Every structure is written in structure tokens, then in C-alpha cells.
PDB file of N, CA and C in Angstrom:
ATOM      1  N   MET A   1       7.833 -22.420 -36.598  1.00  0.00           N
ATOM      2  CA  MET A   1       7.597 -23.028 -35.303  1.00  0.00           C
ATOM      3  C   MET A   1       6.591 -22.187 -34.519  1.00  0.00           C
ATOM      4  N   ARG A   2       5.609 -22.861 -33.955  1.00  0.00           N
ATOM      5  CA  ARG A   2       4.604 -22.161 -33.150  1.00  0.00           C
ATOM      6  C   ARG A   2       5.211 -21.699 -31.833  1.00  0.00           C
ATOM      7  N   GLU A   3       4.729 -20.570 -31.347  1.00  0.00           N
ATOM      8  CA  GLU A   3       5.208 -20.029 -30.074  1.00  0.00           C
ATOM      9  C   GLU A   3       4.090 -20.102 -29.043  1.00  0.00           C
ATOM     10  N   PHE A   4       4.513 -20.239 -27.788  1.00  0.00           N
ATOM     11  CA  PHE A   4       3.532 -20.297 -26.715  1.00  0.00           C
ATOM     12  C   PHE A   4       4.027 -19.529 -25.498  1.00  0.00           C
ATOM     13  N   ALA A   5       3.079 -19.227 -24.621  1.00  0.00           N
ATOM     14  CA  ALA A   5       3.380 -18.574 -23.346  1.00  0.00           C
ATOM     15  C   ALA A   5       2.939 -19.488 -22.212  1.00  0.00           C
ATOM     16  N   VAL A   6       3.635 -19.384 -21.104  1.00  0.00           N
ATOM     17  CA  VAL A   6       3.242 -20.065 -19.877  1.00  0.00           C
ATOM     18  C   VAL A   6       2.526 -19.028 -19.011  1.00  0.00           C
ATOM     19  N   VAL A   7       1.325 -19.357 -18.569  1.00  0.00           N
ATOM     20  CA  VAL A   7       0.501 -18.441 -17.785  1.00  0.00           C
ATOM     21  C   VAL A   7       0.329 -19.038 -16.386  1.00  0.00           C
ATOM     22  N   LEU A   8       0.668 -18.254 -15.349  1.00  0.00           N
ATOM     23  CA  LEU A   8       0.616 -18.743 -13.970  1.00  0.00           C
ATOM     24  C   LEU A   8      -0.216 -17.825 -13.085  1.00  0.00           C
ATOM     25  N   ASP A   9      -1.031 -18.414 -12.236  1.00  0.00           N
ATOM     26  CA  ASP A   9      -1.791 -17.688 -11.219  1.00  0.00           C
ATOM     27  C   ASP A   9      -1.442 -18.323  -9.879  1.00  0.00           C
ATOM     28  N   LEU A  10      -0.577 -17.648  -9.117  1.00  0.00           N
ATOM     29  CA  LEU A  10      -0.130 -18.163  -7.818  1.00  0.00           C
ATOM     30  C   LEU A  10      -1.034 -17.623  -6.725  1.00  0.00           C
ATOM     31  N   GLY A  11      -2.136 -18.284  -6.503  1.00  0.00           N
ATOM     32  CA  GLY A  11      -3.067 -17.828  -5.485  1.00  0.00           C
ATOM     33  C   GLY A  11      -2.758 -18.397  -4.117  1.00  0.00           C
ATOM     34  N   GLY A  12      -3.474 -17.928  -3.125  1.00  0.00           N
ATOM     35  CA  GLY A  12      -3.300 -18.418  -1.773  1.00  0.00           C
ATOM     36  C   GLY A  12      -3.974 -19.758  -1.535  1.00  0.00           C
ATOM     37  N   THR A  13      -4.982 -20.092  -2.340  1.00  0.00           N
ATOM     38  CA  THR A  13      -5.695 -21.358  -2.213  1.00  0.00           C
ATOM     39  C   THR A  13      -5.319 -22.325  -3.327  1.00  0.00           C
ATOM     40  N   ASN A  14      -5.287 -21.818  -4.555  1.00  0.00           N
ATOM     41  CA  ASN A  14      -4.994 -22.654  -5.717  1.00  0.00           C
ATOM     42  C   ASN A  14      -3.846 -22.092  -6.532  1.00  0.00           C
ATOM     43  N   LEU A  15      -3.182 -22.979  -7.220  1.00  0.00           N
ATOM     44  CA  LEU A  15      -2.175 -22.611  -8.211  1.00  0.00           C
ATOM     45  C   LEU A  15      -2.742 -23.066  -9.551  1.00  0.00           C
ATOM     46  N   ARG A  16      -2.896 -22.131 -10.458  1.00  0.00           N
ATOM     47  CA  ARG A  16      -3.412 -22.464 -11.786  1.00  0.00           C
ATOM     48  C   ARG A  16      -2.361 -22.085 -12.811  1.00  0.00           C
ATOM     49  N   ALA A  17      -2.213 -22.926 -13.810  1.00  0.00           N
ATOM     50  CA  ALA A  17      -1.226 -22.667 -14.851  1.00  0.00           C
ATOM     51  C   ALA A  17      -1.753 -23.202 -16.172  1.00  0.00           C
ATOM     52  N   ALA A  18      -1.246 -22.618 -17.250  1.00  0.00           N
ATOM     53  CA  ALA A  18      -1.655 -23.066 -18.575  1.00  0.00           C
ATOM     54  C   ALA A  18      -0.562 -22.764 -19.584  1.00  0.00           C
ATOM     55  N   GLY A  19      -0.581 -23.536 -20.641  1.00  0.00           N
ATOM     56  CA  GLY A  19       0.231 -23.237 -21.810  1.00  0.00           C
ATOM     57  C   GLY A  19      -0.714 -22.703 -22.862  1.00  0.00           C
ATOM     58  N   CYS A  20      -0.361 -21.600 -23.491  1.00  0.00           N
ATOM     59  CA  CYS A  20      -1.259 -20.927 -24.433  1.00  0.00           C
ATOM     60  C   CYS A  20      -0.521 -20.634 -25.730  1.00  0.00           C
ATOM     61  N   TRP A  21      -1.060 -21.101 -26.842  1.00  0.00           N
ATOM     62  CA  TRP A  21      -0.470 -20.798 -28.148  1.00  0.00           C
ATOM     63  C   TRP A  21      -0.637 -19.319 -28.456  1.00  0.00           C
ATOM     64  N   LEU A  22       0.332 -18.746 -29.109  1.00  0.00           N
ATOM     65  CA  LEU A  22       0.297 -17.341 -29.512  1.00  0.00           C
ATOM     66  C   LEU A  22       0.094 -17.252 -31.018  1.00  0.00           C
ATOM     67  N   GLY A  23      -0.586 -16.208 -31.463  1.00  0.00           N
ATOM     68  CA  GLY A  23      -0.768 -15.996 -32.897  1.00  0.00           C
ATOM     69  C   GLY A  23      -2.029 -16.656 -33.415  1.00  0.00           C
ATOM     70  N   GLU A  24      -1.951 -17.139 -34.655  1.00  0.00           N
ATOM     71  CA  GLU A  24      -3.129 -17.694 -35.319  1.00  0.00           C
ATOM     72  C   GLU A  24      -3.666 -18.947 -34.647  1.00  0.00           C
ATOM     73  N   ASP A  25      -2.809 -19.676 -33.973  1.00  0.00           N
ATOM     74  CA  ASP A  25      -3.221 -20.921 -33.327  1.00  0.00           C
ATOM     75  C   ASP A  25      -3.611 -20.702 -31.873  1.00  0.00           C
ATOM     76  N   ASP A  26      -4.186 -19.542 -31.576  1.00  0.00           N
ATOM     77  CA  ASP A  26      -4.545 -19.211 -30.197  1.00  0.00           C
ATOM     78  C   ASP A  26      -5.306 -20.352 -29.533  1.00  0.00           C
ATOM     79  N   GLY A  27      -5.046 -20.550 -28.293  1.00  0.00           N
ATOM     80  CA  GLY A  27      -5.776 -21.540 -27.510  1.00  0.00           C
ATOM     81  C   GLY A  27      -4.862 -22.219 -26.516  1.00  0.00           C
ATOM     82  N   PHE A  28      -5.475 -22.820 -25.516  1.00  0.00           N
ATOM     83  CA  PHE A  28      -4.709 -23.510 -24.488  1.00  0.00           C
ATOM     84  C   PHE A  28      -4.396 -24.928 -24.932  1.00  0.00           C
ATOM     85  N   PHE A  29      -3.180 -25.380 -24.665  1.00  0.00           N
ATOM     86  CA  PHE A  29      -2.835 -26.765 -24.948  1.00  0.00           C
ATOM     87  C   PHE A  29      -2.578 -27.557 -23.673  1.00  0.00           C
ATOM     88  N   SER A  30      -2.523 -26.878 -22.547  1.00  0.00           N
ATOM     89  CA  SER A  30      -2.279 -27.558 -21.275  1.00  0.00           C
ATOM     90  C   SER A  30      -2.833 -26.699 -20.148  1.00  0.00           C
ATOM     91  N   ARG A  31      -3.487 -27.338 -19.198  1.00  0.00           N
ATOM     92  CA  ARG A  31      -3.998 -26.631 -18.017  1.00  0.00           C
ATOM     93  C   ARG A  31      -3.693 -27.464 -16.780  1.00  0.00           C
ATOM     94  N   ILE A  32      -3.255 -26.781 -15.747  1.00  0.00           N
ATOM     95  CA  ILE A  32      -2.956 -27.438 -14.475  1.00  0.00           C
ATOM     96  C   ILE A  32      -3.605 -26.626 -13.363  1.00  0.00           C
ATOM     97  N   THR A  33      -4.339 -27.298 -12.496  1.00  0.00           N
ATOM     98  CA  THR A  33      -4.866 -26.680 -11.278  1.00  0.00           C
ATOM     99  C   THR A  33      -4.485 -27.589 -10.124  1.00  0.00           C
ATOM    100  N   THR A  34      -3.878 -27.016  -9.117  1.00  0.00           N
ATOM    101  CA  THR A  34      -3.435 -27.791  -7.965  1.00  0.00           C
ATOM    102  C   THR A  34      -3.504 -26.909  -6.724  1.00  0.00           C
ATOM    103  N   ARG A  35      -3.226 -27.501  -5.610  1.00  0.00           N
ATOM    104  CA  ARG A  35      -3.188 -26.753  -4.351  1.00  0.00           C
ATOM    105  C   ARG A  35      -2.084 -25.697  -4.414  1.00  0.00           C
ATOM    106  N   SER A  36      -2.320 -24.575  -3.782  1.00  0.00           N
ATOM    107  CA  SER A  36      -1.330 -23.501  -3.729  1.00  0.00           C
ATOM    108  C   SER A  36      -0.036 -23.991  -3.083  1.00  0.00           C
ATOM    109  N   ILE A  37       1.054 -23.314  -3.390  1.00  0.00           N
ATOM    110  CA  ILE A  37       2.326 -23.621  -2.738  1.00  0.00           C
ATOM    111  C   ILE A  37       2.457 -22.870  -1.410  1.00  0.00           C
ATOM    112  N   SER A  38       1.382 -22.233  -0.962  1.00  0.00           N
ATOM    113  CA  SER A  38       1.428 -21.413   0.256  1.00  0.00           C
ATOM    114  C   SER A  38       1.787 -22.217   1.507  1.00  0.00           C
ATOM    115  N   HIS A  39       1.536 -23.512   1.506  1.00  0.00           N
ATOM    116  CA  HIS A  39       1.825 -24.356   2.671  1.00  0.00           C
ATOM    117  C   HIS A  39       3.247 -24.920   2.657  1.00  0.00           C
ATOM    118  N   LEU A  40       3.984 -24.689   1.575  1.00  0.00           N
ATOM    119  CA  LEU A  40       5.324 -25.261   1.423  1.00  0.00           C
ATOM    120  C   LEU A  40       6.418 -24.267   1.801  1.00  0.00           C
ATOM    121  N   PRO A  41       7.548 -24.757   2.322  1.00  0.00           N
ATOM    122  CA  PRO A  41       8.698 -23.870   2.527  1.00  0.00           C
ATOM    123  C   PRO A  41       9.178 -23.320   1.185  1.00  0.00           C
ATOM    124  N   ARG A  42       9.884 -22.211   1.219  1.00  0.00           N
ATOM    125  CA  ARG A  42      10.319 -21.499   0.015  1.00  0.00           C
ATOM    126  C   ARG A  42      10.948 -22.425  -1.028  1.00  0.00           C
ATOM    127  N   GLU A  43      11.982 -23.154  -0.654  1.00  0.00           N
ATOM    128  CA  GLU A  43      12.719 -23.965  -1.623  1.00  0.00           C
ATOM    129  C   GLU A  43      11.843 -25.059  -2.225  1.00  0.00           C
ATOM    130  N   GLU A  44      11.060 -25.707  -1.388  1.00  0.00           N
ATOM    131  CA  GLU A  44      10.187 -26.772  -1.866  1.00  0.00           C
ATOM    132  C   GLU A  44       9.098 -26.222  -2.784  1.00  0.00           C
ATOM    133  N   GLY A  45       8.540 -25.078  -2.425  1.00  0.00           N
ATOM    134  CA  GLY A  45       7.514 -24.461  -3.257  1.00  0.00           C
ATOM    135  C   GLY A  45       8.043 -24.050  -4.617  1.00  0.00           C
ATOM    136  N   MET A  46       9.231 -23.443  -4.645  1.00  0.00           N
ATOM    137  CA  MET A  46       9.812 -23.023  -5.925  1.00  0.00           C
ATOM    138  C   MET A  46      10.193 -24.235  -6.771  1.00  0.00           C
ATOM    139  N   ARG A  47      10.701 -25.294  -6.138  1.00  0.00           N
ATOM    140  CA  ARG A  47      11.027 -26.511  -6.882  1.00  0.00           C
ATOM    141  C   ARG A  47       9.764 -27.101  -7.502  1.00  0.00           C
ATOM    142  N   PHE A  48       8.690 -27.194  -6.718  1.00  0.00           N
ATOM    143  CA  PHE A  48       7.429 -27.719  -7.225  1.00  0.00           C
ATOM    144  C   PHE A  48       6.932 -26.881  -8.398  1.00  0.00           C
ATOM    145  N   LEU A  49       6.967 -25.573  -8.236  1.00  0.00           N
ATOM    146  CA  LEU A  49       6.501 -24.675  -9.287  1.00  0.00           C
ATOM    147  C   LEU A  49       7.294 -24.877 -10.574  1.00  0.00           C
ATOM    148  N   LYS A  50       8.621 -24.914 -10.459  1.00  0.00           N
ATOM    149  CA  LYS A  50       9.464 -25.030 -11.654  1.00  0.00           C
ATOM    150  C   LYS A  50       9.413 -26.414 -12.288  1.00  0.00           C
ATOM    151  N   GLU A  51       9.466 -27.451 -11.479  1.00  0.00           N
ATOM    152  CA  GLU A  51       9.547 -28.805 -12.030  1.00  0.00           C
ATOM    153  C   GLU A  51       8.190 -29.403 -12.363  1.00  0.00           C
ATOM    154  N   GLU A  52       7.257 -29.310 -11.433  1.00  0.00           N
ATOM    155  CA  GLU A  52       5.980 -29.999 -11.589  1.00  0.00           C
ATOM    156  C   GLU A  52       4.937 -29.203 -12.366  1.00  0.00           C
ATOM    157  N   VAL A  53       5.102 -27.915 -12.429  1.00  0.00           N
ATOM    158  CA  VAL A  53       4.109 -27.096 -13.130  1.00  0.00           C
ATOM    159  C   VAL A  53       4.710 -26.529 -14.415  1.00  0.00           C
ATOM    160  N   ILE A  54       5.652 -25.623 -14.288  1.00  0.00           N
ATOM    161  CA  ILE A  54       6.240 -24.987 -15.475  1.00  0.00           C
ATOM    162  C   ILE A  54       6.926 -26.023 -16.359  1.00  0.00           C
ATOM    163  N   GLY A  55       7.688 -26.924 -15.747  1.00  0.00           N
ATOM    164  CA  GLY A  55       8.398 -27.943 -16.516  1.00  0.00           C
ATOM    165  C   GLY A  55       7.473 -28.797 -17.357  1.00  0.00           C
ATOM    166  N   LYS A  56       6.336 -29.185 -16.797  1.00  0.00           N
ATOM    167  CA  LYS A  56       5.383 -30.013 -17.542  1.00  0.00           C
ATOM    168  C   LYS A  56       4.759 -29.247 -18.701  1.00  0.00           C
ATOM    169  N   ILE A  57       4.460 -27.977 -18.494  1.00  0.00           N
ATOM    170  CA  ILE A  57       3.892 -27.173 -19.581  1.00  0.00           C
ATOM    171  C   ILE A  57       4.924 -26.982 -20.684  1.00  0.00           C
ATOM    172  N   LEU A  58       6.165 -26.672 -20.312  1.00  0.00           N
ATOM    173  CA  LEU A  58       7.221 -26.509 -21.318  1.00  0.00           C
ATOM    174  C   LEU A  58       7.420 -27.797 -22.111  1.00  0.00           C
ATOM    175  N   GLU A  59       7.446 -28.915 -21.427  1.00  0.00           N
ATOM    176  CA  GLU A  59       7.633 -30.203 -22.100  1.00  0.00           C
ATOM    177  C   GLU A  59       6.502 -30.487 -23.082  1.00  0.00           C
ATOM    178  N   ARG A  60       5.281 -30.258 -22.646  1.00  0.00           N
ATOM    179  CA  ARG A  60       4.129 -30.513 -23.526  1.00  0.00           C
ATOM    180  C   ARG A  60       4.155 -29.599 -24.750  1.00  0.00           C
ATOM    181  N   GLY A  61       4.453 -28.313 -24.537  1.00  0.00           N
ATOM    182  CA  GLY A  61       4.525 -27.385 -25.665  1.00  0.00           C
ATOM    183  C   GLY A  61       5.604 -27.769 -26.658  1.00  0.00           C
ATOM    184  N   ARG A  62       6.766 -28.154 -26.166  1.00  0.00           N
ATOM    185  CA  ARG A  62       7.865 -28.571 -27.047  1.00  0.00           C
ATOM    186  C   ARG A  62       7.527 -29.871 -27.766  1.00  0.00           C
ATOM    187  N   ASP A  63       6.860 -30.794 -27.059  1.00  0.00           N
ATOM    188  CA  ASP A  63       6.450 -32.049 -27.688  1.00  0.00           C
ATOM    189  C   ASP A  63       5.491 -31.803 -28.845  1.00  0.00           C
ATOM    190  N   GLU A  64       4.746 -30.714 -28.767  1.00  0.00           N
ATOM    191  CA  GLU A  64       3.798 -30.371 -29.830  1.00  0.00           C
ATOM    192  C   GLU A  64       4.419 -29.435 -30.862  1.00  0.00           C
ATOM    193  N   GLY A  65       5.739 -29.304 -30.834  1.00  0.00           N
ATOM    194  CA  GLY A  65       6.440 -28.515 -31.847  1.00  0.00           C
ATOM    195  C   GLY A  65       6.516 -27.034 -31.559  1.00  0.00           C
ATOM    196  N   GLY A  66       6.325 -26.638 -30.324  1.00  0.00           N
ATOM    197  CA  GLY A  66       6.326 -25.220 -29.981  1.00  0.00           C
ATOM    198  C   GLY A  66       7.617 -24.750 -29.340  1.00  0.00           C
ATOM    199  N   ARG A  67       7.700 -23.437 -29.210  1.00  0.00           N
ATOM    200  CA  ARG A  67       8.839 -22.776 -28.565  1.00  0.00           C
ATOM    201  C   ARG A  67       8.282 -21.757 -27.589  1.00  0.00           C
ATOM    202  N   ALA A  68       8.785 -21.786 -26.348  1.00  0.00           N
ATOM    203  CA  ALA A  68       8.313 -20.849 -25.328  1.00  0.00           C
ATOM    204  C   ALA A  68       8.776 -19.437 -25.659  1.00  0.00           C
ATOM    205  N   LYS A  69       7.843 -18.511 -25.692  1.00  0.00           N
ATOM    206  CA  LYS A  69       8.126 -17.105 -26.002  1.00  0.00           C
ATOM    207  C   LYS A  69       8.214 -16.257 -24.734  1.00  0.00           C
ATOM    208  N   GLY A  70       7.437 -16.613 -23.707  1.00  0.00           N
ATOM    209  CA  GLY A  70       7.431 -15.807 -22.494  1.00  0.00           C
ATOM    210  C   GLY A  70       6.490 -16.387 -21.463  1.00  0.00           C
ATOM    211  N   ALA A  71       6.291 -15.616 -20.399  1.00  0.00           N
ATOM    212  CA  ALA A  71       5.424 -16.058 -19.310  1.00  0.00           C
ATOM    213  C   ALA A  71       4.645 -14.874 -18.759  1.00  0.00           C
ATOM    214  N   VAL A  72       3.491 -15.191 -18.195  1.00  0.00           N
ATOM    215  CA  VAL A  72       2.649 -14.214 -17.513  1.00  0.00           C
ATOM    216  C   VAL A  72       2.443 -14.758 -16.104  1.00  0.00           C
ATOM    217  N   LEU A  73       2.657 -13.921 -15.100  1.00  0.00           N
ATOM    218  CA  LEU A  73       2.575 -14.365 -13.715  1.00  0.00           C
ATOM    219  C   LEU A  73       1.676 -13.436 -12.917  1.00  0.00           C
ATOM    220  N   GLY A  74       0.675 -14.014 -12.287  1.00  0.00           N
ATOM    221  CA  GLY A  74      -0.183 -13.269 -11.383  1.00  0.00           C
ATOM    222  C   GLY A  74       0.058 -13.768  -9.970  1.00  0.00           C
ATOM    223  N   VAL A  75       0.269 -12.850  -9.045  1.00  0.00           N
ATOM    224  CA  VAL A  75       0.551 -13.222  -7.661  1.00  0.00           C
ATOM    225  C   VAL A  75      -0.077 -12.170  -6.743  1.00  0.00           C
ATOM    226  N   PRO A  76      -0.694 -12.595  -5.617  1.00  0.00           N
ATOM    227  CA  PRO A  76      -1.247 -11.603  -4.705  1.00  0.00           C
ATOM    228  C   PRO A  76      -0.126 -10.840  -4.009  1.00  0.00           C
ATOM    229  N   GLY A  77      -0.238  -9.551  -3.971  1.00  0.00           N
ATOM    230  CA  GLY A  77       0.766  -8.750  -3.279  1.00  0.00           C
ATOM    231  C   GLY A  77       1.457  -7.763  -4.195  1.00  0.00           C
ATOM    232  N   TRP A  78       2.669  -7.392  -3.803  1.00  0.00           N
ATOM    233  CA  TRP A  78       3.430  -6.381  -4.543  1.00  0.00           C
ATOM    234  C   TRP A  78       4.715  -6.984  -5.076  1.00  0.00           C
ATOM    235  N   VAL A  79       4.968  -6.733  -6.349  1.00  0.00           N
ATOM    236  CA  VAL A  79       6.202  -7.172  -7.001  1.00  0.00           C
ATOM    237  C   VAL A  79       6.945  -5.923  -7.455  1.00  0.00           C
ATOM    238  N   THR A  80       8.242  -5.859  -7.176  1.00  0.00           N
ATOM    239  CA  THR A  80       9.037  -4.697  -7.591  1.00  0.00           C
ATOM    240  C   THR A  80       9.220  -4.712  -9.104  1.00  0.00           C
ATOM    241  N   PRO A  81       9.597  -3.584  -9.713  1.00  0.00           N
ATOM    242  CA  PRO A  81       9.856  -3.566 -11.158  1.00  0.00           C
ATOM    243  C   PRO A  81      10.935  -4.576 -11.578  1.00  0.00           C
ATOM    244  N   GLU A  82      11.805  -4.940 -10.646  1.00  0.00           N
ATOM    245  CA  GLU A  82      12.860  -5.908 -10.945  1.00  0.00           C
ATOM    246  C   GLU A  82      12.362  -7.349 -10.836  1.00  0.00           C
ATOM    247  N   GLY A  83      11.137  -7.535 -10.372  1.00  0.00           N
ATOM    248  CA  GLY A  83      10.553  -8.862 -10.284  1.00  0.00           C
ATOM    249  C   GLY A  83      10.611  -9.519  -8.924  1.00  0.00           C
ATOM    250  N   GLU A  84      11.039  -8.783  -7.902  1.00  0.00           N
ATOM    251  CA  GLU A  84      11.142  -9.350  -6.553  1.00  0.00           C
ATOM    252  C   GLU A  84       9.810  -9.219  -5.822  1.00  0.00           C
ATOM    253  N   LEU A  85       9.384 -10.301  -5.196  1.00  0.00           N
ATOM    254  CA  LEU A  85       8.156 -10.261  -4.415  1.00  0.00           C
ATOM    255  C   LEU A  85       8.422  -9.499  -3.119  1.00  0.00           C
ATOM    256  N   ALA A  86       7.848  -8.309  -3.006  1.00  0.00           N
ATOM    257  CA  ALA A  86       8.073  -7.453  -1.842  1.00  0.00           C
ATOM    258  C   ALA A  86       7.113  -7.784  -0.700  1.00  0.00           C
ATOM    259  N   PHE A  87       5.888  -8.199  -1.045  1.00  0.00           N
ATOM    260  CA  PHE A  87       4.878  -8.514  -0.038  1.00  0.00           C
ATOM    261  C   PHE A  87       3.825  -9.400  -0.669  1.00  0.00           C
ATOM    262  N   SER A  88       3.413 -10.414   0.062  1.00  0.00           N
ATOM    263  CA  SER A  88       2.290 -11.241  -0.367  1.00  0.00           C
ATOM    264  C   SER A  88       1.589 -11.780   0.873  1.00  0.00           C
ATOM    265  N   PRO A  89       0.308 -11.458   1.039  1.00  0.00           N
ATOM    266  CA  PRO A  89      -0.399 -11.924   2.224  1.00  0.00           C
ATOM    267  C   PRO A  89      -0.552 -13.443   2.265  1.00  0.00           C
ATOM    268  N   HIS A  90      -0.560 -14.091   1.107  1.00  0.00           N
ATOM    269  CA  HIS A  90      -0.791 -15.533   1.043  1.00  0.00           C
ATOM    270  C   HIS A  90       0.472 -16.345   0.790  1.00  0.00           C
ATOM    271  N   LEU A  91       1.547 -15.695   0.377  1.00  0.00           N
ATOM    272  CA  LEU A  91       2.801 -16.395   0.075  1.00  0.00           C
ATOM    273  C   LEU A  91       3.971 -15.711   0.785  1.00  0.00           C
ATOM    274  N   PRO A  92       3.883 -15.528   2.107  1.00  0.00           N
ATOM    275  CA  PRO A  92       4.929 -14.779   2.808  1.00  0.00           C
ATOM    276  C   PRO A  92       6.308 -15.427   2.727  1.00  0.00           C
ATOM    277  N   GLN A  93       6.363 -16.736   2.568  1.00  0.00           N
ATOM    278  CA  GLN A  93       7.654 -17.416   2.486  1.00  0.00           C
ATOM    279  C   GLN A  93       8.420 -17.075   1.207  1.00  0.00           C
ATOM    280  N   LEU A  94       7.741 -16.478   0.231  1.00  0.00           N
ATOM    281  CA  LEU A  94       8.404 -16.105  -1.020  1.00  0.00           C
ATOM    282  C   LEU A  94       8.873 -14.650  -1.031  1.00  0.00           C
ATOM    283  N   LYS A  95       8.688 -13.944   0.084  1.00  0.00           N
ATOM    284  CA  LYS A  95       9.143 -12.554   0.153  1.00  0.00           C
ATOM    285  C   LYS A  95      10.639 -12.506  -0.156  1.00  0.00           C
ATOM    286  N   GLY A  96      11.003 -11.601  -1.051  1.00  0.00           N
ATOM    287  CA  GLY A  96      12.401 -11.442  -1.434  1.00  0.00           C
ATOM    288  C   GLY A  96      12.827 -12.294  -2.611  1.00  0.00           C
ATOM    289  N   VAL A  97      11.984 -13.223  -3.046  1.00  0.00           N
ATOM    290  CA  VAL A  97      12.319 -14.060  -4.200  1.00  0.00           C
ATOM    291  C   VAL A  97      12.155 -13.242  -5.473  1.00  0.00           C
ATOM    292  N   ASN A  98      13.141 -13.294  -6.340  1.00  0.00           N
ATOM    293  CA  ASN A  98      13.031 -12.642  -7.641  1.00  0.00           C
ATOM    294  C   ASN A  98      12.281 -13.598  -8.558  1.00  0.00           C
ATOM    295  N   LEU A  99      10.987 -13.375  -8.697  1.00  0.00           N
ATOM    296  CA  LEU A  99      10.143 -14.282  -9.463  1.00  0.00           C
ATOM    297  C   LEU A  99      10.529 -14.322 -10.931  1.00  0.00           C
ATOM    298  N   ILE A 100      10.924 -13.189 -11.485  1.00  0.00           N
ATOM    299  CA  ILE A 100      11.344 -13.162 -12.888  1.00  0.00           C
ATOM    300  C   ILE A 100      12.618 -13.978 -13.060  1.00  0.00           C
ATOM    301  N   GLY A 101      13.581 -13.760 -12.183  1.00  0.00           N
ATOM    302  CA  GLY A 101      14.830 -14.508 -12.259  1.00  0.00           C
ATOM    303  C   GLY A 101      14.629 -16.001 -12.068  1.00  0.00           C
ATOM    304  N   GLU A 102      13.734 -16.378 -11.182  1.00  0.00           N
ATOM    305  CA  GLU A 102      13.465 -17.793 -10.922  1.00  0.00           C
ATOM    306  C   GLU A 102      12.791 -18.479 -12.100  1.00  0.00           C
ATOM    307  N   MET A 103      12.095 -17.723 -12.933  1.00  0.00           N
ATOM    308  CA  MET A 103      11.384 -18.319 -14.060  1.00  0.00           C
ATOM    309  C   MET A 103      12.270 -18.517 -15.285  1.00  0.00           C
ATOM    310  N   ASP A 104      13.454 -17.946 -15.288  1.00  0.00           N
ATOM    311  CA  ASP A 104      14.371 -18.122 -16.430  1.00  0.00           C
ATOM    312  C   ASP A 104      14.845 -19.544 -16.536  1.00  0.00           C
TER     313      ASP A 104
END
């Protein structure tokens, strides 16, 4: 079974995400670019991220016979070693959210 990673860039202007095959079949199988979640309240933004972005990439990868191996997350600001967003100039409503825990 092929493995893939979910790659996320949570910017202040745009949210970009992709599904990327790992190993010999390297390459993107899904790309999403949309408006940042910076304008949304915490709960709504996290729901959108999980359901409309990550969920769609996971579904597409599984439909193509893949298995999710992990994720890569880029976010402006500081993230603690435990995965909690300590500060973000563009996503202040997510302060205190454990991004790693939310992605499980």
C-alpha cells in the first residue's frame, strides 16, 4: 500500500494544503488553496481545516489506495514542542490550540 503525507501551510492570507505520495511514487495527488482561516472563530476555523481541507485530502488518498503516514504543518508564529500554538500574529484565535492533537 502506498503511503502519503498531508502538507499544510496555514498562512495569514491563504491556506494551502496538499497530499503527497512518499517513496518511489513521489508527487502530489491533491492540492487545495483557499482563503486563510484567520477570519474565522476558533471552532469554525478548526472544523473547516479538519473537514474541508484535511478530510478531502485523506479521502482522495485513500480512494487512490493510499494510507496516511503523517503530516507537515507550517504556521506563522511559535509552536511549543508539545504542539501548542503559543503565538501567531495572523491566527491569534488559535492561541493555545494543540495543533498536533487536533490533527489526530
